PDB file of all heavy atoms in Angstrom:
ATOM      1  N   TRP A   1      58.574 128.293 106.382  1.00  0.00           N
ATOM      2  CA  TRP A   1      58.022 129.121 105.316  1.00  0.00           C
ATOM      3  C   TRP A   1      58.734 130.463 105.266  1.00  0.00           C
ATOM      4  O   TRP A   1      59.083 130.961 104.180  1.00  0.00           O
ATOM      5  CB  TRP A   1      56.505 129.291 105.515  1.00  0.00           C
ATOM      6  CG  TRP A   1      55.875 130.108 104.436  1.00  0.00           C
ATOM      7  CD1 TRP A   1      55.629 129.737 103.173  1.00  0.00           C
ATOM      8  CD2 TRP A   1      55.410 131.465 104.560  1.00  0.00           C
ATOM      9  NE1 TRP A   1      55.020 130.765 102.474  1.00  0.00           N
ATOM     10  CE2 TRP A   1      54.900 131.838 103.337  1.00  0.00           C
ATOM     11  CE3 TRP A   1      55.386 132.385 105.601  1.00  0.00           C
ATOM     12  CZ2 TRP A   1      54.364 133.097 103.083  1.00  0.00           C
ATOM     13  CZ3 TRP A   1      54.869 133.639 105.348  1.00  0.00           C
ATOM     14  CH2 TRP A   1      54.360 133.969 104.120  1.00  0.00           C
ATOM     15  N   ALA A   2      58.954 131.068 106.445  1.00  0.00           N
ATOM     16  CA  ALA A   2      59.669 132.334 106.476  1.00  0.00           C
ATOM     17  C   ALA A   2      61.086 132.181 105.947  1.00  0.00           C
ATOM     18  O   ALA A   2      61.578 133.023 105.192  1.00  0.00           O
ATOM     19  CB  ALA A   2      59.658 132.893 107.889  1.00  0.00           C
ATOM     20  N   GLN A   3      61.773 131.104 106.360  1.00  0.00           N
ATOM     21  CA  GLN A   3      63.114 130.837 105.855  1.00  0.00           C
ATOM     22  C   GLN A   3      63.141 130.699 104.347  1.00  0.00           C
ATOM     23  O   GLN A   3      64.021 131.226 103.679  1.00  0.00           O
ATOM     24  CB  GLN A   3      63.707 129.585 106.503  1.00  0.00           C
ATOM     25  CG  GLN A   3      64.195 129.797 107.882  1.00  0.00           C
ATOM     26  CD  GLN A   3      64.740 128.525 108.483  1.00  0.00           C
ATOM     27  OE1 GLN A   3      64.123 127.448 108.374  1.00  0.00           O
ATOM     28  NE2 GLN A   3      65.878 128.622 109.149  1.00  0.00           N
ATOM     29  N   PHE A   4      62.172 129.953 103.817  1.00  0.00           N
ATOM     30  CA  PHE A   4      62.090 129.764 102.364  1.00  0.00           C
ATOM     31  C   PHE A   4      61.937 131.107 101.664  1.00  0.00           C
ATOM     32  O   PHE A   4      62.628 131.396 100.682  1.00  0.00           O
ATOM     33  CB  PHE A   4      60.921 128.844 102.018  1.00  0.00           C
ATOM     34  CG  PHE A   4      60.592 128.837 100.545  1.00  0.00           C
ATOM     35  CD1 PHE A   4      61.408 128.139  99.658  1.00  0.00           C
ATOM     36  CD2 PHE A   4      59.513 129.551 100.035  1.00  0.00           C
ATOM     37  CE1 PHE A   4      61.122 128.130  98.293  1.00  0.00           C
ATOM     38  CE2 PHE A   4      59.236 129.541  98.681  1.00  0.00           C
ATOM     39  CZ  PHE A   4      60.041 128.832  97.800  1.00  0.00           C
ATOM     40  N   ASN A   5      61.030 131.949 102.149  1.00  0.00           N
ATOM     41  CA  ASN A   5      60.800 133.229 101.505  1.00  0.00           C
ATOM     42  C   ASN A   5      62.015 134.151 101.610  1.00  0.00           C
ATOM     43  O   ASN A   5      62.348 134.854 100.636  1.00  0.00           O
ATOM     44  CB  ASN A   5      59.573 133.914 102.117  1.00  0.00           C
ATOM     45  CG  ASN A   5      58.313 133.390 101.513  1.00  0.00           C
ATOM     46  OD1 ASN A   5      58.007 133.610 100.352  1.00  0.00           O
ATOM     47  ND2 ASN A   5      57.568 132.629 102.292  1.00  0.00           N
ATOM     48  N   LEU A   6      62.690 134.166 102.733  1.00  0.00           N
ATOM     49  CA  LEU A   6      63.884 135.009 102.861  1.00  0.00           C
ATOM     50  C   LEU A   6      65.036 134.470 102.002  1.00  0.00           C
ATOM     51  O   LEU A   6      65.793 135.256 101.418  1.00  0.00           O
ATOM     52  CB  LEU A   6      64.291 135.123 104.323  1.00  0.00           C
ATOM     53  CG  LEU A   6      63.324 135.939 105.186  1.00  0.00           C
ATOM     54  CD1 LEU A   6      63.719 135.845 106.647  1.00  0.00           C
ATOM     55  CD2 LEU A   6      63.284 137.376 104.726  1.00  0.00           C
ATOM     56  N   TRP A   7      65.159 133.153 101.914  1.00  0.00           N
ATOM     57  CA  TRP A   7      66.189 132.575 101.079  1.00  0.00           C
ATOM     58  C   TRP A   7      65.958 132.915  99.598  1.00  0.00           C
ATOM     59  O   TRP A   7      66.859 133.325  98.900  1.00  0.00           O
ATOM     60  CB  TRP A   7      66.226 131.059 101.273  1.00  0.00           C
ATOM     61  CG  TRP A   7      67.251 130.410 100.395  1.00  0.00           C
ATOM     62  CD1 TRP A   7      68.600 130.340 100.582  1.00  0.00           C
ATOM     63  CD2 TRP A   7      67.003 129.754  99.149  1.00  0.00           C
ATOM     64  NE1 TRP A   7      69.200 129.703  99.542  1.00  0.00           N
ATOM     65  CE2 TRP A   7      68.244 129.313  98.649  1.00  0.00           C
ATOM     66  CE3 TRP A   7      65.845 129.495  98.414  1.00  0.00           C
ATOM     67  CZ2 TRP A   7      68.350 128.622  97.454  1.00  0.00           C
ATOM     68  CZ3 TRP A   7      65.949 128.795  97.228  1.00  0.00           C
ATOM     69  CH2 TRP A   7      67.193 128.394  96.745  1.00  0.00           C
ATOM     70  N   THR A   8      64.718 132.722  99.137  1.00  0.00           N
ATOM     71  CA  THR A   8      64.426 133.032  97.731  1.00  0.00           C
ATOM     72  C   THR A   8      64.547 134.531  97.463  1.00  0.00           C
ATOM     73  O   THR A   8      64.947 134.927  96.374  1.00  0.00           O
ATOM     74  CB  THR A   8      63.019 132.536  97.308  1.00  0.00           C
ATOM     75  OG1 THR A   8      62.037 133.069  98.184  1.00  0.00           O
ATOM     76  CG2 THR A   8      62.965 131.032  97.299  1.00  0.00           C
ATOM     77  N   LEU A   9      64.233 135.361  98.439  1.00  0.00           N
ATOM     78  CA  LEU A   9      64.398 136.802  98.283  1.00  0.00           C
ATOM     79  C   LEU A   9      65.868 137.141  98.077  1.00  0.00           C
ATOM     80  O   LEU A   9      66.229 137.962  97.239  1.00  0.00           O
ATOM     81  CB  LEU A   9      63.835 137.533  99.487  1.00  0.00           C
ATOM     82  CG  LEU A   9      63.688 139.034  99.404  1.00  0.00           C
ATOM     83  CD1 LEU A   9      62.713 139.404  98.272  1.00  0.00           C
ATOM     84  CD2 LEU A   9      63.187 139.592 100.715  1.00  0.00           C
ATOM     85  N   GLY A  10      66.749 136.489  98.825  1.00  0.00           N
ATOM     86  CA  GLY A  10      68.180 136.710  98.666  1.00  0.00           C
ATOM     87  C   GLY A  10      68.697 136.131  97.355  1.00  0.00           C
ATOM     88  O   GLY A  10      69.476 136.762  96.643  1.00  0.00           O
ATOM     89  N   TRP A  11      68.229 134.938  97.011  1.00  0.00           N
ATOM     90  CA  TRP A  11      68.722 134.259  95.814  1.00  0.00           C
ATOM     91  C   TRP A  11      68.232 134.934  94.539  1.00  0.00           C
ATOM     92  O   TRP A  11      69.000 135.170  93.614  1.00  0.00           O
ATOM     93  CB  TRP A  11      68.274 132.802  95.863  1.00  0.00           C
ATOM     94  CG  TRP A  11      68.772 131.977  94.717  1.00  0.00           C
ATOM     95  CD1 TRP A  11      70.060 131.695  94.418  1.00  0.00           C
ATOM     96  CD2 TRP A  11      67.970 131.340  93.728  1.00  0.00           C
ATOM     97  NE1 TRP A  11      70.124 130.903  93.288  1.00  0.00           N
ATOM     98  CE2 TRP A  11      68.836 130.680  92.850  1.00  0.00           C
ATOM     99  CE3 TRP A  11      66.603 131.265  93.489  1.00  0.00           C
ATOM    100  CZ2 TRP A  11      68.382 129.954  91.770  1.00  0.00           C
ATOM    101  CZ3 TRP A  11      66.165 130.549  92.408  1.00  0.00           C
ATOM    102  CH2 TRP A  11      67.048 129.896  91.561  1.00  0.00           C
ATOM    103  N   LEU A  12      66.959 135.287  94.486  1.00  0.00           N
ATOM    104  CA  LEU A  12      66.412 135.878  93.260  1.00  0.00           C
ATOM    105  C   LEU A  12      66.619 137.388  93.183  1.00  0.00           C
ATOM    106  O   LEU A  12      66.962 137.903  92.125  1.00  0.00           O
ATOM    107  CB  LEU A  12      64.896 135.597  93.168  1.00  0.00           C
ATOM    108  CG  LEU A  12      64.498 134.183  92.784  1.00  0.00           C
ATOM    109  CD1 LEU A  12      63.005 134.000  92.911  1.00  0.00           C
ATOM    110  CD2 LEU A  12      64.958 133.867  91.358  1.00  0.00           C
ATOM    111  N   CYS A  13      66.399 138.077  94.269  1.00  0.00           N
ATOM    112  CA  CYS A  13      66.403 139.541  94.224  1.00  0.00           C
ATOM    113  C   CYS A  13      67.665 140.186  94.803  1.00  0.00           C
ATOM    114  O   CYS A  13      67.838 141.384  94.718  1.00  0.00           O
ATOM    115  CB  CYS A  13      65.165 140.088  94.980  1.00  0.00           C
ATOM    116  SG  CYS A  13      63.612 139.505  94.280  1.00  0.00           S
ATOM    117  N   GLY A  14      68.528 139.352  95.405  1.00  0.00           N
ATOM    118  CA  GLY A  14      69.779 139.894  95.931  1.00  0.00           C
ATOM    119  C   GLY A  14      69.624 140.689  97.219  1.00  0.00           C
ATOM    120  O   GLY A  14      70.486 141.495  97.548  1.00  0.00           O
ATOM    121  N   ILE A  15      68.531 140.467  97.933  1.00  0.00           N
ATOM    122  CA  ILE A  15      68.308 141.155  99.183  1.00  0.00           C
ATOM    123  C   ILE A  15      68.781 140.255 100.314  1.00  0.00           C
ATOM    124  O   ILE A  15      68.194 139.219 100.592  1.00  0.00           O
ATOM    125  CB  ILE A  15      66.811 141.535  99.373  1.00  0.00           C
ATOM    126  CG1 ILE A  15      66.399 142.498  98.287  1.00  0.00           C
ATOM    127  CG2 ILE A  15      66.582 142.140 100.742  1.00  0.00           C
ATOM    128  CD1 ILE A  15      64.939 142.811  98.269  1.00  0.00           C
ATOM    129  N   HIS A  16      69.874 140.671 100.959  1.00  0.00           N
ATOM    130  CA  HIS A  16      70.479 139.897 102.033  1.00  0.00           C
ATOM    131  C   HIS A  16      70.431 140.713 103.311  1.00  0.00           C
ATOM    132  O   HIS A  16      70.181 141.925 103.280  1.00  0.00           O
ATOM    133  CB  HIS A  16      71.924 139.504 101.699  1.00  0.00           C
ATOM    134  CG  HIS A  16      72.025 138.715 100.415  1.00  0.00           C
ATOM    135  ND1 HIS A  16      71.710 137.387 100.346  1.00  0.00           N
ATOM    136  CD2 HIS A  16      72.374 139.100  99.175  1.00  0.00           C
ATOM    137  CE1 HIS A  16      71.892 136.980  99.098  1.00  0.00           C
ATOM    138  NE2 HIS A  16      72.289 138.007  98.374  1.00  0.00           N
ATOM    139  N   HIS A  17      70.689 140.065 104.420  1.00  0.00           N
ATOM    140  CA  HIS A  17      70.622 140.767 105.688  1.00  0.00           C
ATOM    141  C   HIS A  17      71.803 140.396 106.564  1.00  0.00           C
ATOM    142  O   HIS A  17      72.443 139.355 106.371  1.00  0.00           O
ATOM    143  CB  HIS A  17      69.298 140.472 106.425  1.00  0.00           C
ATOM    144  CG  HIS A  17      69.147 139.026 106.753  1.00  0.00           C
ATOM    145  ND1 HIS A  17      68.629 138.112 105.855  1.00  0.00           N
ATOM    146  CD2 HIS A  17      69.441 138.318 107.856  1.00  0.00           C
ATOM    147  CE1 HIS A  17      68.613 136.927 106.388  1.00  0.00           C
ATOM    148  NE2 HIS A  17      69.101 137.007 107.625  1.00  0.00           N
ATOM    149  N   ARG A  18      72.092 141.276 107.515  1.00  0.00           N
ATOM    150  CA  ARG A  18      73.112 141.042 108.510  1.00  0.00           C
ATOM    151  C   ARG A  18      72.542 141.552 109.840  1.00  0.00           C
ATOM    152  O   ARG A  18      71.974 142.651 109.889  1.00  0.00           O
ATOM    153  CB  ARG A  18      74.390 141.792 108.169  1.00  0.00           C
ATOM    154  CG  ARG A  18      75.488 141.601 109.172  1.00  0.00           C
ATOM    155  CD  ARG A  18      76.703 142.326 108.768  1.00  0.00           C
ATOM    156  NE  ARG A  18      76.322 143.701 108.429  1.00  0.00           N
ATOM    157  CZ  ARG A  18      77.163 144.667 108.134  1.00  0.00           C
ATOM    158  NH1 ARG A  18      78.438 144.406 108.110  1.00  0.00           N
ATOM    159  NH2 ARG A  18      76.759 145.877 107.833  1.00  0.00           N
ATOM    160  N   VAL A  19      72.649 140.750 110.858  1.00  0.00           N
ATOM    161  CA  VAL A  19      72.077 141.119 112.154  1.00  0.00           C
ATOM    162  C   VAL A  19      73.189 141.494 113.109  1.00  0.00           C
ATOM    163  O   VAL A  19      74.156 140.735 113.246  1.00  0.00           O
ATOM    164  CB  VAL A  19      71.245 139.967 112.741  1.00  0.00           C
ATOM    165  CG1 VAL A  19      70.676 140.336 114.075  1.00  0.00           C
ATOM    166  CG2 VAL A  19      70.138 139.589 111.769  1.00  0.00           C
ATOM    167  N   LYS A  20      73.057 142.630 113.738  1.00  0.00           N
ATOM    168  CA  LYS A  20      73.979 143.060 114.783  1.00  0.00           C
ATOM    169  C   LYS A  20      73.210 143.157 116.079  1.00  0.00           C
ATOM    170  O   LYS A  20      72.068 143.580 116.100  1.00  0.00           O
ATOM    171  CB  LYS A  20      74.550 144.436 114.452  1.00  0.00           C
ATOM    172  CG  LYS A  20      75.465 144.474 113.256  1.00  0.00           C
ATOM    173  CD  LYS A  20      75.997 145.875 113.076  1.00  0.00           C
ATOM    174  CE  LYS A  20      76.904 145.967 111.864  1.00  0.00           C
ATOM    175  NZ  LYS A  20      77.425 147.340 111.714  1.00  0.00           N
ATOM    176  N   GLY A  21      73.836 142.774 117.176  1.00  0.00           N
ATOM    177  CA  GLY A  21      73.222 142.934 118.475  1.00  0.00           C
ATOM    178  C   GLY A  21      72.357 141.805 118.952  1.00  0.00           C
ATOM    179  O   GLY A  21      71.511 142.000 119.821  1.00  0.00           O
ATOM    180  N   LEU A  22      72.529 140.597 118.394  1.00  0.00           N
ATOM    181  CA  LEU A  22      71.701 139.463 118.848  1.00  0.00           C
ATOM    182  C   LEU A  22      71.901 139.177 120.323  1.00  0.00           C
ATOM    183  O   LEU A  22      70.997 138.652 120.981  1.00  0.00           O
ATOM    184  CB  LEU A  22      72.064 138.202 118.046  1.00  0.00           C
ATOM    185  CG  LEU A  22      71.451 138.099 116.654  1.00  0.00           C
ATOM    186  CD1 LEU A  22      71.934 136.832 115.954  1.00  0.00           C
ATOM    187  CD2 LEU A  22      69.937 138.115 116.704  1.00  0.00           C
ATOM    188  N   GLU A  23      73.057 139.564 120.878  1.00  0.00           N
ATOM    189  CA  GLU A  23      73.310 139.339 122.294  1.00  0.00           C
ATOM    190  C   GLU A  23      72.413 140.194 123.178  1.00  0.00           C
ATOM    191  O   GLU A  23      72.259 139.934 124.363  1.00  0.00           O
ATOM    192  CB  GLU A  23      74.783 139.582 122.646  1.00  0.00           C
ATOM    193  CG  GLU A  23      75.226 141.024 122.485  1.00  0.00           C
ATOM    194  CD  GLU A  23      75.592 141.440 121.048  1.00  0.00           C
ATOM    195  OE1 GLU A  23      75.525 140.604 120.130  1.00  0.00           O
ATOM    196  OE2 GLU A  23      75.957 142.609 120.872  1.00  0.00           O
ATOM    197  N   ASN A  24      71.766 141.204 122.631  1.00  0.00           N
ATOM    198  CA  ASN A  24      70.891 142.083 123.387  1.00  0.00           C
ATOM    199  C   ASN A  24      69.433 141.585 123.464  1.00  0.00           C
ATOM    200  O   ASN A  24      68.643 142.175 124.162  1.00  0.00           O
ATOM    201  CB  ASN A  24      70.899 143.484 122.788  1.00  0.00           C
ATOM    202  CG  ASN A  24      72.290 144.100 122.868  1.00  0.00           C
ATOM    203  OD1 ASN A  24      72.981 143.986 123.848  1.00  0.00           O
ATOM    204  ND2 ASN A  24      72.691 144.732 121.775  1.00  0.00           N
ATOM    205  N   ILE A  25      69.144 140.525 122.771  1.00  0.00           N
ATOM    206  CA  ILE A  25      67.788 139.984 122.798  1.00  0.00           C
ATOM    207  C   ILE A  25      67.613 139.197 124.076  1.00  0.00           C
ATOM    208  O   ILE A  25      68.399 138.298 124.367  1.00  0.00           O
ATOM    209  CB  ILE A  25      67.507 139.070 121.569  1.00  0.00           C
ATOM    210  CG1 ILE A  25      67.596 139.910 120.289  1.00  0.00           C
ATOM    211  CG2 ILE A  25      66.161 138.406 121.679  1.00  0.00           C
ATOM    212  CD1 ILE A  25      67.502 139.108 119.026  1.00  0.00           C
ATOM    213  N   PRO A  26      66.590 139.506 124.880  1.00  0.00           N
ATOM    214  CA  PRO A  26      66.400 138.782 126.141  1.00  0.00           C
ATOM    215  C   PRO A  26      66.020 137.316 125.923  1.00  0.00           C
ATOM    216  O   PRO A  26      65.427 136.968 124.897  1.00  0.00           O
ATOM    217  CB  PRO A  26      65.260 139.556 126.822  1.00  0.00           C
ATOM    218  CG  PRO A  26      64.592 140.319 125.744  1.00  0.00           C
ATOM    219  CD  PRO A  26      65.584 140.543 124.664  1.00  0.00           C
ATOM    220  N   ASP A  27      66.383 136.494 126.886  1.00  0.00           N
ATOM    221  CA  ASP A  27      66.057 135.074 126.792  1.00  0.00           C
ATOM    222  C   ASP A  27      64.593 134.775 127.023  1.00  0.00           C
ATOM    223  O   ASP A  27      64.035 133.848 126.459  1.00  0.00           O
ATOM    224  CB  ASP A  27      66.898 134.257 127.800  1.00  0.00           C
ATOM    225  CG  ASP A  27      68.373 134.274 127.429  1.00  0.00           C
ATOM    226  OD1 ASP A  27      68.692 134.359 126.235  1.00  0.00           O
ATOM    227  OD2 ASP A  27      69.202 134.174 128.353  1.00  0.00           O
ATOM    228  N   GLY A  28      63.939 135.565 127.850  1.00  0.00           N
ATOM    229  CA  GLY A  28      62.566 135.333 128.193  1.00  0.00           C
ATOM    230  C   GLY A  28      61.609 136.120 127.318  1.00  0.00           C
ATOM    231  O   GLY A  28      61.955 136.592 126.236  1.00  0.00           O
ATOM    232  N   ALA A  29      60.385 136.233 127.820  1.00  0.00           N
ATOM    233  CA  ALA A  29      59.358 136.939 127.073  1.00  0.00           C
ATOM    234  C   ALA A  29      59.705 138.444 126.981  1.00  0.00           C
ATOM    235  O   ALA A  29      60.325 139.011 127.882  1.00  0.00           O
ATOM    236  CB  ALA A  29      58.028 136.791 127.783  1.00  0.00           C
ATOM    237  N   ALA A  30      59.338 139.050 125.877  1.00  0.00           N
ATOM    238  CA  ALA A  30      59.619 140.457 125.643  1.00  0.00           C
ATOM    239  C   ALA A  30      58.592 141.026 124.662  1.00  0.00           C
ATOM    240  O   ALA A  30      57.956 140.294 123.935  1.00  0.00           O
ATOM    241  CB  ALA A  30      61.025 140.640 125.095  1.00  0.00           C
ATOM    242  N   ILE A  31      58.497 142.329 124.680  1.00  0.00           N
ATOM    243  CA  ILE A  31      57.669 143.036 123.695  1.00  0.00           C
ATOM    244  C   ILE A  31      58.609 143.702 122.719  1.00  0.00           C
ATOM    245  O   ILE A  31      59.478 144.491 123.108  1.00  0.00           O
ATOM    246  CB  ILE A  31      56.751 144.068 124.382  1.00  0.00           C
ATOM    247  CG1 ILE A  31      55.764 143.348 125.289  1.00  0.00           C
ATOM    248  CG2 ILE A  31      56.023 144.889 123.320  1.00  0.00           C
ATOM    249  CD1 ILE A  31      54.899 144.292 126.114  1.00  0.00           C
ATOM    250  N   ILE A  32      58.435 143.402 121.454  1.00  0.00           N
ATOM    251  CA  ILE A  32      59.261 143.968 120.406  1.00  0.00           C
ATOM    252  C   ILE A  32      58.414 144.985 119.648  1.00  0.00           C
ATOM    253  O   ILE A  32      57.359 144.620 119.124  1.00  0.00           O
ATOM    254  CB  ILE A  32      59.784 142.888 119.416  1.00  0.00           C
ATOM    255  CG1 ILE A  32      60.415 141.714 120.179  1.00  0.00           C
ATOM    256  CG2 ILE A  32      60.703 143.469 118.385  1.00  0.00           C
ATOM    257  CD1 ILE A  32      61.592 142.085 121.024  1.00  0.00           C
TER     258      ILE A  32
END
């Protein structure tokens, strides 16, 4: 559902994203 909403947001409204720093996300549990 989240993917669908983000895809339609990009397709209809032109809002796209780029993620930097994914390598910094820990593999285990974390508080964001």
